[in-house]
C-alpha cells in the first residue's frame, strides 16, 4: 500500500487543489487572452506620475474661485444647497454652517484663463497652459481612508488592487531593472500632525504580488535590504538566487501556485535593483539648472521636491506607474496657517516637473495628475474670522488637474455650484477619472479584469465613462 499523505495526493492530483488554483488564479494562457482584449485603445501615454496630495486640499482655496462668497461671509449655508448631505463628526453638531470665502488672491492664468490661487501657487499658474483643471470631480466617500482607497483602488473597502497594480498587470513594464510600479512618500510642512498613508494603497490586492508598488525609503537604503550584508558579494548573491530559484521552480510544479512564480520574478527583480536603485537615487550628476527648476529642497532626500525629481528619473528609466504621496492637507482648524506651508512644498516642484518633462520630450507621453481624495467644505469648521478658518471633508465636488499624456491643455472642465458645494456642470466621478486614466494608457477599462473567487473584478467595478472632452 502506498504511503502517500493527503497533502501529496492533493498537490499531485489533476483534480486536486493545486491544479484548481493554477486554473482559477489566472494561469498564463488566460492572462495572455485577457491582455489581448484590453489593448484595443490607441495609447496616448506610456506612463503615469500621480502627485497625490493626501488629506484633501481645499478646492475653494486653490482652483475653484468663488469671489461672490465674500458677500455671504458668515451666513448659514442654505438647506437647499446642502441637500441633506451627511456631515462628519467634526461639524455635525455645529449650530450653524457659516459660509467662508477664501482669503487668498486668484488670477486667470494662461491663454485658457483658468483660475488659480497665484498668491500660493504662482509657479503652477505660470504653467496653466499645460494643464487641464477639473473642477467637478466627486466621490461618495466622506472620510480619508475610504476616500483614498476609492481613488486608488476603485472601492472604499481595503483589499482591492491599486491603480498602479492594475496598470502593471495590464501593460507590464518598460523598465528592465526597475519595477513597473514605484512609490514615494513625503510629509508636508503644515503644523497639524499629518495622517500617514497605508501600504495597501499601493498593494496588489488579489493580483499576484509581483504587481504591487515598490516604495522607496526616505532614510537608510532606498529599498529595504537592497544592499548586500557584509561579506556577501554580487557573485555569491547570484549563486544563492540561482539555487533558490531552482528549488522554487520544483515547488511551483508540485503545488501549481502562481504566487510561487511571482516570488521567483520578485527575487530576480530585487537582484537587478541592487544595481539600478542606487543609480536611480544618485542625483550627483544633475546640473544646477535642475535644482533651479525643482527648488533647492530637491537636494534633500525625502522631500516632495526630491521625490518629483526622482519621479522624472524613474520616467526616463521606463517605470510605468509612479505614485507620490504628499501628506498633510487635512486642514480642519486653520487653513490660512497651514495651506501656505503645503503650497510652498509643492508649487515650484510640481511646475518644475512639468517643465522638465516637457523640455526632455517626455510630457507628451507622460500623464501627470495632481490632487487629493476629496475637497473641503465651503462652510467653516468652527467659528470663522477674517484670519482663521477651518474646513471639513467634502466629496460632493472638488478639483484636480491633469497634464501631458493625451490631455487637452490650457482648459478648465466642469464646474461647481455658486457655493462650491455640488457639481453644477460636467461632473466627473472617481470611476470616470479611473476609466480616463486607463484609456490614455491604451486600456479599455471594461476589459481589464481579473477573476477572483468566482467573479470578474475590474478597477472601475461596473461603472466609469471616459471623459472625452478633456482628451487632446
Protein backbone atom coordinates (compact mmCIF):
# COMPACT_ATOMS: atom_id res chain seq x y z
CA UNK A 1 0.00 0.00 0.00
CA UNK A 2 1.40 3.38 -0.97
CA UNK A 3 2.07 5.70 1.94
CA UNK A 4 1.03 8.98 0.27
CA UNK A 5 -0.02 11.80 2.54
CA UNK A 6 -3.24 13.71 1.95
CA UNK A 7 -1.12 16.75 1.05
CA UNK A 8 0.82 14.79 -1.59
CA UNK A 9 -2.40 13.47 -3.08
CA UNK A 10 -3.97 16.92 -3.36
CA UNK A 11 -0.80 18.50 -4.73
CA UNK A 12 -0.29 15.85 -7.41
CA UNK A 13 -3.88 15.09 -8.38
CA UNK A 14 -5.08 16.62 -11.64
CA UNK A 15 -8.35 17.28 -9.82
CA UNK A 16 -6.67 18.50 -6.64
CA UNK A 17 -6.35 21.94 -5.13
CA UNK A 18 -3.05 22.65 -6.85
CA UNK A 19 -4.47 22.26 -10.33
CA UNK A 20 -7.64 24.08 -9.37
CA UNK A 21 -5.65 27.01 -8.01
CA UNK A 22 -3.49 27.13 -11.13
CA UNK A 23 -6.60 27.28 -13.28
CA UNK A 24 -8.71 29.69 -11.23
CA UNK A 25 -5.98 32.13 -10.20
CA UNK A 26 -5.27 33.24 -13.77
CA UNK A 27 -2.72 30.99 -15.47
CA UNK A 28 -0.50 32.39 -18.19
CA UNK A 29 -2.81 31.38 -21.06
CA UNK A 30 -5.82 33.11 -19.53
CA UNK A 31 -3.70 36.17 -18.78
CA UNK A 32 -2.48 36.41 -22.38
CA UNK A 33 -6.03 36.18 -23.69
CA UNK A 34 -7.20 38.89 -21.30
CA UNK A 35 -4.37 41.25 -22.24
CA UNK A 36 -5.19 40.92 -25.93
CA UNK A 37 -8.66 42.28 -25.17
CA UNK A 38 -7.58 45.36 -23.22
CA UNK A 39 -5.11 46.69 -25.79
CA UNK A 40 -7.71 47.85 -28.27
CA UNK A 41 -7.31 51.56 -27.48
CA UNK A 42 -4.52 53.61 -29.05
CA UNK A 43 -2.34 54.76 -26.13
CA UNK A 44 -1.52 58.44 -25.68
CA UNK A 45 0.56 57.94 -22.51
CA UNK A 46 3.28 55.41 -21.76
CA UNK A 47 3.42 56.16 -18.06
CA UNK A 48 1.70 57.95 -15.17
CA UNK A 49 3.10 60.23 -12.47
CA UNK A 50 0.38 60.67 -9.85
CA UNK A 51 1.12 63.51 -7.42
CA UNK A 52 -1.34 62.53 -4.71
CA UNK A 53 -1.98 65.29 -2.17
CA UNK A 54 -3.16 63.25 0.81
CA UNK A 55 -5.59 64.85 3.25
CA UNK A 56 -7.94 66.71 0.92
CA UNK A 57 -6.69 70.07 -0.46
CA UNK A 58 -9.30 72.81 -0.35
CA UNK A 59 -10.55 73.31 -3.91
CA UNK A 60 -12.15 76.60 -2.83
CA UNK A 61 -8.77 77.97 -1.76
CA UNK A 62 -6.78 76.69 -4.75
CA UNK A 63 -8.58 76.33 -8.09
CA UNK A 64 -12.36 76.83 -7.70
CA UNK A 65 -12.69 80.59 -7.33
CA UNK A 66 -15.95 81.91 -5.83
CA UNK A 67 -15.45 85.69 -5.41
CA UNK A 68 -19.17 86.35 -4.73
CA UNK A 69 -18.95 84.37 -1.49
CA UNK A 70 -17.29 87.40 0.08
CA UNK A 71 -20.77 88.94 0.22
CA UNK A 72 -22.07 85.91 2.13
CA UNK A 73 -19.34 85.65 4.77
CA UNK A 74 -20.78 84.15 7.95
CA UNK A 75 -24.22 83.35 6.50
CA UNK A 76 -25.56 79.90 7.29
CA UNK A 77 -25.31 77.52 4.35
CA UNK A 78 -28.84 77.22 2.91
CA UNK A 79 -30.54 73.86 3.44
CA UNK A 80 -31.38 73.84 -0.26
CA UNK A 81 -27.67 73.87 -1.08
CA UNK A 82 -26.68 71.24 1.44
CA UNK A 83 -29.43 68.92 0.20
CA UNK A 84 -29.38 66.72 3.28
CA UNK A 85 -25.77 65.63 2.87
CA UNK A 86 -24.45 63.88 5.94
CA UNK A 87 -21.65 65.63 7.80
CA UNK A 88 -18.64 64.20 9.57
CA UNK A 89 -18.31 64.08 13.34
CA UNK A 90 -16.28 67.28 13.19
CA UNK A 91 -19.18 69.51 12.16
CA UNK A 92 -22.44 67.60 12.57
CA UNK A 93 -23.14 69.20 15.96
CA UNK A 94 -22.38 72.79 14.92
CA UNK A 95 -25.30 75.15 15.47
CA UNK A 96 -24.57 76.80 12.13
CA UNK A 97 -22.56 76.13 8.99
CA UNK A 98 -21.12 79.60 8.25
CA UNK A 99 -20.16 80.25 4.63
CA UNK A 100 -16.47 81.17 4.45
CA UNK A 101 -14.86 82.61 1.31
CA UNK A 102 -11.19 82.10 0.57
CA UNK A 103 -8.88 84.84 1.88
CA UNK A 104 -6.36 84.25 -0.91
CA UNK A 105 -5.89 86.04 -4.23
CA UNK A 106 -6.77 84.32 -7.51
CA UNK A 107 -5.88 85.22 -11.09
CA UNK A 108 -6.86 83.97 -14.51
CA UNK A 109 -3.81 82.16 -15.86
CA UNK A 110 -2.64 81.27 -19.33
CA UNK A 111 -4.44 81.66 -22.62
CA UNK A 112 -7.23 79.42 -21.31
CA UNK A 113 -7.91 81.78 -18.42
CA UNK A 114 -8.09 79.10 -15.72
CA UNK A 115 -8.46 80.42 -12.17
CA UNK A 116 -5.51 79.65 -9.89
CA UNK A 117 -4.62 80.87 -6.40
CA UNK A 118 -1.47 82.61 -7.61
CA UNK A 119 -0.77 84.01 -4.15
CA UNK A 120 0.19 80.48 -3.05
CA UNK A 121 0.70 78.67 -6.37
CA UNK A 122 2.44 81.20 -8.64
CA UNK A 123 4.51 78.59 -10.46
CA UNK A 124 1.56 76.34 -11.21
CA UNK A 125 -0.19 79.45 -12.52
CA UNK A 126 2.70 80.00 -14.93
CA UNK A 127 2.30 76.53 -16.47
CA UNK A 128 -1.51 76.69 -16.64
CA UNK A 129 -1.40 76.39 -20.42
CA UNK A 130 -0.03 72.85 -19.99
CA UNK A 131 -2.77 71.86 -17.54
CA UNK A 132 -6.39 70.73 -17.67
CA UNK A 133 -8.12 71.73 -14.42
CA UNK A 134 -11.12 69.60 -13.46
CA UNK A 135 -13.45 71.40 -11.04
CA UNK A 136 -16.19 68.78 -10.95
CA UNK A 137 -14.70 65.60 -9.53
CA UNK A 138 -16.93 63.91 -6.96
CA UNK A 139 -16.90 60.89 -4.66
CA UNK A 140 -19.25 59.16 -2.23
CA UNK A 141 -16.51 58.79 0.40
CA UNK A 142 -16.52 61.23 3.32
CA UNK A 143 -13.53 60.09 5.40
CA UNK A 144 -9.87 59.83 4.49
CA UNK A 145 -9.19 56.09 4.42
CA UNK A 146 -12.27 55.12 2.38
CA UNK A 147 -11.74 58.09 0.05
CA UNK A 148 -8.08 57.29 -0.59
CA UNK A 149 -8.96 53.62 -1.12
CA UNK A 150 -11.70 54.62 -3.56
CA UNK A 151 -9.43 56.79 -5.69
CA UNK A 152 -6.55 54.36 -5.68
CA UNK A 153 -8.38 51.00 -5.82
CA UNK A 154 -11.92 51.76 -7.04
CA UNK A 155 -13.50 50.60 -3.78
CA UNK A 156 -13.89 52.18 -0.35
CA UNK A 157 -13.02 48.96 1.50
CA UNK A 158 -9.48 47.61 1.66
CA UNK A 159 -8.37 44.58 -0.30
CA UNK A 160 -8.63 45.58 -3.96
CA UNK A 161 -5.62 46.08 -6.26
CA UNK A 162 -4.35 49.64 -6.58
CA UNK A 163 -4.48 51.56 -9.85
CA UNK A 164 -0.73 51.16 -10.26
CA UNK A 165 -1.01 47.41 -9.74
CA UNK A 166 -3.81 47.16 -12.32
CA UNK A 167 -1.65 49.14 -14.78
CA UNK A 168 1.39 46.97 -14.12
CA UNK A 169 -0.71 43.82 -14.55
CA UNK A 170 -2.29 45.09 -17.75
CA UNK A 171 0.70 46.59 -19.52
CA UNK A 172 3.79 45.14 -17.89
CA UNK A 173 6.96 47.16 -17.59
CA UNK A 174 9.17 49.19 -19.90
CA UNK A 175 11.90 49.12 -17.24
CA UNK A 176 14.25 46.15 -17.34
CA UNK A 177 15.92 46.79 -14.00
CA UNK A 178 13.21 48.61 -12.03
CA UNK A 179 9.67 47.64 -11.04
CA UNK A 180 6.77 48.79 -13.20
CA UNK A 181 5.13 50.49 -10.19
CA UNK A 182 7.08 52.61 -7.69
CA UNK A 183 6.01 54.78 -4.76
CA UNK A 184 7.49 57.74 -2.87
CA UNK A 185 6.15 59.45 0.26
CA UNK A 186 6.82 62.88 1.73
CA UNK A 187 5.44 64.71 4.75
CA UNK A 188 4.24 68.28 4.41
CA UNK A 189 5.16 71.34 6.42
CA UNK A 190 1.71 72.02 7.94
CA UNK A 191 1.50 72.48 11.70
CA UNK A 192 -1.19 69.84 12.13
CA UNK A 193 0.09 66.28 12.65
CA UNK A 194 -0.47 64.57 9.27
CA UNK A 195 -2.23 61.26 8.85
CA UNK A 196 0.01 58.52 7.45
CA UNK A 197 -0.97 56.56 4.36
CA UNK A 198 -1.33 52.80 4.30
CA UNK A 199 0.77 50.40 2.23
CA UNK A 200 -2.46 48.89 0.91
CA UNK A 201 -2.83 52.00 -1.31
CA UNK A 202 -0.07 50.59 -3.49
CA UNK A 203 -0.83 46.93 -2.82
CA UNK A 204 -1.70 44.26 -5.37
CA UNK A 205 -4.83 43.04 -3.58
CA UNK A 206 -5.85 39.74 -5.15
CA UNK A 207 -3.49 40.20 -8.12
CA UNK A 208 -0.18 38.30 -7.95
CA UNK A 209 2.18 40.14 -5.61
CA UNK A 210 4.69 40.93 -8.37
CA UNK A 211 2.35 43.80 -9.40
CA UNK A 212 2.39 45.68 -6.09
CA UNK A 213 4.16 49.01 -5.79
CA UNK A 214 7.72 49.18 -4.50
CA UNK A 215 8.25 52.05 -2.08
CA UNK A 216 11.50 53.98 -1.87
CA UNK A 217 12.51 54.86 1.68
CA UNK A 218 13.45 58.37 2.79
CA UNK A 219 16.23 57.19 5.12
CA UNK A 220 18.69 54.31 5.01
CA UNK A 221 18.63 52.00 2.00
CA UNK A 222 16.29 53.41 -0.68
CA UNK A 223 14.66 49.97 -0.75
CA UNK A 224 14.83 47.80 2.37
CA UNK A 225 17.68 45.28 2.20
CA UNK A 226 18.75 46.43 -1.27
CA UNK A 227 22.35 46.36 -0.04
CA UNK A 228 24.11 43.06 0.48
CA UNK A 229 25.15 42.27 4.05
CA UNK A 230 28.83 42.46 4.93
CA UNK A 231 30.80 39.59 3.42
CA UNK A 232 28.36 38.93 0.57
CA UNK A 233 29.37 39.98 -2.93
CA UNK A 234 27.32 40.08 -6.14
CA UNK A 235 28.66 36.76 -7.41
CA UNK A 236 27.73 34.84 -4.25
CA UNK A 237 24.34 36.54 -4.22
CA UNK A 238 23.77 35.41 -7.83
CA UNK A 239 24.73 31.85 -6.96
CA UNK A 240 22.37 31.81 -3.96
CA UNK A 241 19.45 33.14 -6.01
CA UNK A 242 20.05 30.55 -8.73
CA UNK A 243 19.84 27.76 -6.15
CA UNK A 244 16.72 29.21 -4.54
CA UNK A 245 15.17 29.69 -7.97
CA UNK A 246 15.66 26.01 -8.89
CA UNK A 247 14.00 24.89 -5.65
CA UNK A 248 11.12 27.31 -6.19
CA UNK A 249 10.62 26.01 -9.74
CA UNK A 250 10.34 22.46 -8.39
CA UNK A 251 7.82 23.61 -5.77
CA UNK A 252 5.85 25.58 -8.36
CA UNK A 253 5.41 22.44 -10.48
CA UNK A 254 4.30 20.45 -7.43
CA UNK A 255 1.87 22.95 -5.96
CA UNK A 256 0.69 24.83 -9.04
CA UNK A 257 0.60 28.05 -7.03
CA UNK A 258 1.08 31.15 -9.25
CA UNK A 259 2.31 33.09 -6.23
CA UNK A 260 5.49 30.98 -6.29
CA UNK A 261 6.13 32.14 -9.86
CA UNK A 262 5.52 35.72 -8.71
CA UNK A 263 8.08 35.26 -5.95
CA UNK A 264 10.69 33.95 -8.38
CA UNK A 265 10.23 37.07 -10.50
CA UNK A 266 10.46 39.27 -7.40
CA UNK A 267 13.76 37.68 -6.38
CA UNK A 268 15.18 38.37 -9.84
CA UNK A 269 13.93 41.96 -9.86
CA UNK A 270 15.39 42.51 -6.37
CA UNK A 271 18.79 41.32 -7.62
CA UNK A 272 18.72 43.75 -10.55
CA UNK A 273 17.55 46.56 -8.26
CA UNK A 274 20.69 46.17 -6.15
CA UNK A 275 22.47 47.90 -9.02
CA UNK A 276 19.70 50.02 -10.53
CA UNK A 277 18.23 51.67 -7.40
CA UNK A 278 21.49 53.29 -6.17
CA UNK A 279 21.97 54.69 -9.68
CA UNK A 280 18.37 55.94 -9.77
CA UNK A 281 18.65 57.80 -6.48
CA UNK A 282 22.12 59.27 -7.07
CA UNK A 283 21.39 62.85 -8.14
CA UNK A 284 25.01 63.99 -8.02
CA UNK A 285 25.13 64.16 -11.81
CA UNK A 286 22.15 66.55 -12.02
CA UNK A 287 23.20 70.07 -13.09
CA UNK A 288 22.40 73.18 -11.07
CA UNK A 289 19.72 74.05 -13.62
CA UNK A 290 17.71 71.08 -12.37
CA UNK A 291 17.57 72.49 -8.86
CA UNK A 292 16.57 75.89 -10.17
CA UNK A 293 13.54 74.15 -11.64
CA UNK A 294 12.57 71.99 -8.67
CA UNK A 295 13.98 74.13 -5.87
CA UNK A 296 16.87 73.57 -3.50
CA UNK A 297 14.72 71.17 -1.46
CA UNK A 298 15.24 68.69 -4.30
CA UNK A 299 18.73 68.13 -2.92
CA UNK A 300 17.27 66.78 0.33
CA UNK A 301 16.13 63.18 0.17
CA UNK A 302 12.54 62.57 1.26
CA UNK A 303 11.18 66.00 0.38
CA UNK A 304 8.38 66.47 -2.12
CA UNK A 305 10.77 68.28 -4.46
CA UNK A 306 13.30 65.44 -4.29
CA UNK A 307 10.52 62.94 -4.99
CA UNK A 308 9.37 64.93 -8.04
CA UNK A 309 12.92 64.88 -9.37
CA UNK A 310 13.18 61.15 -8.67
CA UNK A 311 9.86 60.65 -10.48
CA UNK A 312 11.33 62.25 -13.58
CA UNK A 313 14.36 59.96 -13.31
CA UNK A 314 12.01 56.96 -12.98
CA UNK A 315 10.08 58.09 -16.05
CA UNK A 316 13.33 58.24 -18.04
CA UNK A 317 14.12 54.67 -16.97
CA UNK A 318 10.77 53.21 -18.03
CA UNK A 319 8.83 52.93 -14.77
CA UNK A 320 5.19 52.60 -15.79
CA UNK A 321 3.30 54.00 -12.79
CA UNK A 322 4.92 56.44 -10.37
CA UNK A 323 2.95 57.37 -7.27
CA UNK A 324 3.92 60.26 -4.98
CA UNK A 325 2.05 60.81 -1.72
CA UNK A 326 2.49 64.23 -0.10
CA UNK A 327 0.89 64.01 3.31
CA UNK A 328 -0.57 66.89 5.35
CA UNK A 329 -3.53 68.54 3.56
CA UNK A 330 -6.12 67.80 6.30
CA UNK A 331 -6.79 71.39 7.38
CA UNK A 332 -9.67 71.33 9.85
CA UNK A 333 -8.59 74.15 12.16
CA UNK A 334 -6.54 76.79 10.37
CA UNK A 335 -6.49 76.92 6.58
CA UNK A 336 -4.73 80.36 6.43
CA UNK A 337 -1.87 78.99 8.56
CA UNK A 338 -1.43 75.51 7.04
CA UNK A 339 -2.35 75.92 3.38
CA UNK A 340 0.53 78.32 2.54
CA UNK A 341 3.01 75.88 4.09
CA UNK A 342 1.75 72.96 2.00
CA UNK A 343 1.58 75.03 -1.17
CA UNK A 344 5.17 76.14 -0.65
CA UNK A 345 6.14 72.45 -0.51
CA UNK A 346 4.55 71.58 -3.83
CA UNK A 347 4.23 74.66 -6.06
CA UNK A 348 7.70 75.00 -7.51
CA UNK A 349 8.44 71.30 -7.73
CA UNK A 350 5.11 70.39 -9.39
CA UNK A 351 5.53 73.10 -12.01
CA UNK A 352 9.22 72.21 -12.36
CA UNK A 353 8.33 68.60 -13.07
CA UNK A 354 6.06 69.64 -15.95
CA UNK A 355 8.70 71.96 -17.37
CA UNK A 356 11.43 69.33 -17.01
CA UNK A 357 9.35 66.60 -18.67
CA UNK A 358 8.40 68.97 -21.47
CA UNK A 359 11.93 70.09 -22.27
CA UNK A 360 13.09 66.46 -22.32
CA UNK A 361 10.29 65.44 -24.71
CA UNK A 362 8.63 63.27 -22.08
CA UNK A 363 5.48 65.24 -21.27
CA UNK A 364 3.66 64.20 -24.44
CA UNK A 365 3.63 60.56 -23.35
CA UNK A 366 3.63 61.05 -19.55
CA UNK A 367 0.29 61.61 -17.82
CA UNK A 368 0.74 63.80 -14.73
CA UNK A 369 -2.08 64.00 -12.17
CA UNK A 370 -2.27 66.34 -9.15
CA UNK A 371 -4.99 66.08 -6.49
CA UNK A 372 -6.27 64.55 -3.27
CA UNK A 373 -9.02 62.22 -2.10
CA UNK A 374 -11.68 64.95 -1.72
CA UNK A 375 -12.05 68.69 -1.20
CA UNK A 376 -13.12 70.84 1.74
CA UNK A 377 -16.41 72.41 2.79
CA UNK A 378 -17.50 75.90 1.79
CA UNK A 379 -18.54 76.43 5.40
CA UNK A 380 -16.11 76.78 8.27
CA UNK A 381 -15.42 74.15 10.86
CA UNK A 382 -15.82 76.24 13.98
CA UNK A 383 -16.40 79.97 14.04
CA UNK A 384 -14.55 81.74 11.21
CA UNK A 385 -12.71 85.04 11.37
CA UNK A 386 -11.03 87.09 8.67
CA UNK A 387 -7.67 85.49 9.53
CA UNK A 388 -8.58 81.99 10.71
CA UNK A 389 -10.98 79.34 9.49
CA UNK A 390 -11.04 75.58 9.11
CA UNK A 391 -12.77 73.38 6.56
CA UNK A 392 -14.26 69.90 6.94
CA UNK A 393 -14.09 66.98 4.48
CA UNK A 394 -16.12 67.40 1.31
CA UNK A 395 -16.58 64.89 -1.51
CA UNK A 396 -19.56 66.24 -3.44
CA UNK A 397 -17.30 68.32 -5.65
CA UNK A 398 -13.57 69.07 -5.69
CA UNK A 399 -10.69 69.90 -8.01
CA UNK A 400 -7.74 68.10 -9.52
CA UNK A 401 -5.55 68.77 -12.52
CA UNK A 402 -4.01 66.65 -15.26
CA UNK A 403 -1.30 67.37 -17.82
CA UNK A 404 0.54 65.69 -20.69
CA UNK A 405 -0.15 62.18 -21.97
CA UNK A 406 -3.08 62.95 -24.26
CA UNK A 407 -4.82 65.56 -22.10
CA UNK A 408 -6.19 68.76 -23.65
CA UNK A 409 -4.02 71.53 -22.14
CA UNK A 410 -4.96 75.05 -21.12
CA UNK A 411 -8.56 74.44 -20.14
CA UNK A 412 -10.93 74.05 -17.20
CA UNK A 413 -13.53 71.30 -17.32
CA UNK A 414 -16.66 71.11 -15.19
CA UNK A 415 -17.87 73.48 -12.53
CA UNK A 416 -19.40 73.55 -9.08
CA UNK A 417 -22.48 75.49 -7.96
CA UNK A 418 -22.34 79.03 -6.62
CA UNK A 419 -21.25 77.77 -3.21
CA UNK A 420 -18.66 75.29 -4.45
CA UNK A 421 -20.75 72.61 -2.77
CA UNK A 422 -22.10 70.34 -5.52
CA UNK A 423 -21.45 69.68 -9.21
CA UNK A 424 -23.17 72.21 -11.46
CA UNK A 425 -21.87 71.08 -14.85
CA UNK A 426 -19.98 68.14 -16.36
CA UNK A 427 -19.50 66.04 -13.27
CA UNK A 428 -16.58 63.59 -13.21
CA UNK A 429 -17.00 60.62 -10.90
CA UNK A 430 -13.97 58.84 -9.44
CA UNK A 431 -14.66 55.84 -11.71
CA UNK A 432 -14.78 58.21 -14.71
CA UNK A 433 -11.35 59.52 -13.76
CA UNK A 434 -10.00 55.96 -13.48
CA UNK A 435 -11.53 54.97 -16.81
CA UNK A 436 -9.95 58.02 -18.44
CA UNK A 437 -6.50 57.31 -16.98
CA UNK A 438 -6.62 53.73 -18.28
CA UNK A 439 -7.91 54.93 -21.67
CA UNK A 440 -4.95 57.28 -22.04
CA UNK A 441 -2.65 54.32 -21.33
CA UNK A 442 -4.35 52.37 -24.13
CA UNK A 443 -6.51 50.21 -21.86
CA UNK A 444 -10.23 49.59 -22.26
CA UNK A 445 -11.26 49.77 -18.61
CA UNK A 446 -14.20 47.40 -19.18
CA UNK A 447 -11.82 44.68 -20.40
CA UNK A 448 -9.09 44.94 -17.76
CA UNK A 449 -10.46 42.23 -15.47
CA UNK A 450 -9.21 39.55 -13.10
CA UNK A 451 -11.20 36.55 -11.95
CA UNK A 452 -11.14 36.13 -8.18
CA UNK A 453 -13.43 33.98 -6.02
CA UNK A 454 -15.70 33.28 -8.97
CA UNK A 455 -16.19 36.87 -10.10
CA UNK A 456 -14.50 39.10 -12.68
CA UNK A 457 -13.22 42.23 -10.95
CA UNK A 458 -12.02 45.48 -12.50
CA UNK A 459 -10.73 48.85 -11.24
CA UNK A 460 -13.94 50.65 -12.23
CA UNK A 461 -16.24 47.89 -10.97
CA UNK A 462 -19.36 48.16 -13.20
CA UNK A 463 -19.08 51.94 -13.61
CA UNK A 464 -16.98 54.57 -15.32
CA UNK A 465 -17.03 56.53 -18.58
CA UNK A 466 -14.06 58.06 -20.38
CA UNK A 467 -14.19 61.87 -20.10
CA UNK A 468 -13.73 62.55 -23.81
CA UNK A 469 -13.92 66.39 -23.77
CA UNK A 470 -10.61 66.60 -21.88
CA UNK A 471 -8.73 64.43 -24.38
CA UNK A 472 -6.38 66.10 -26.84
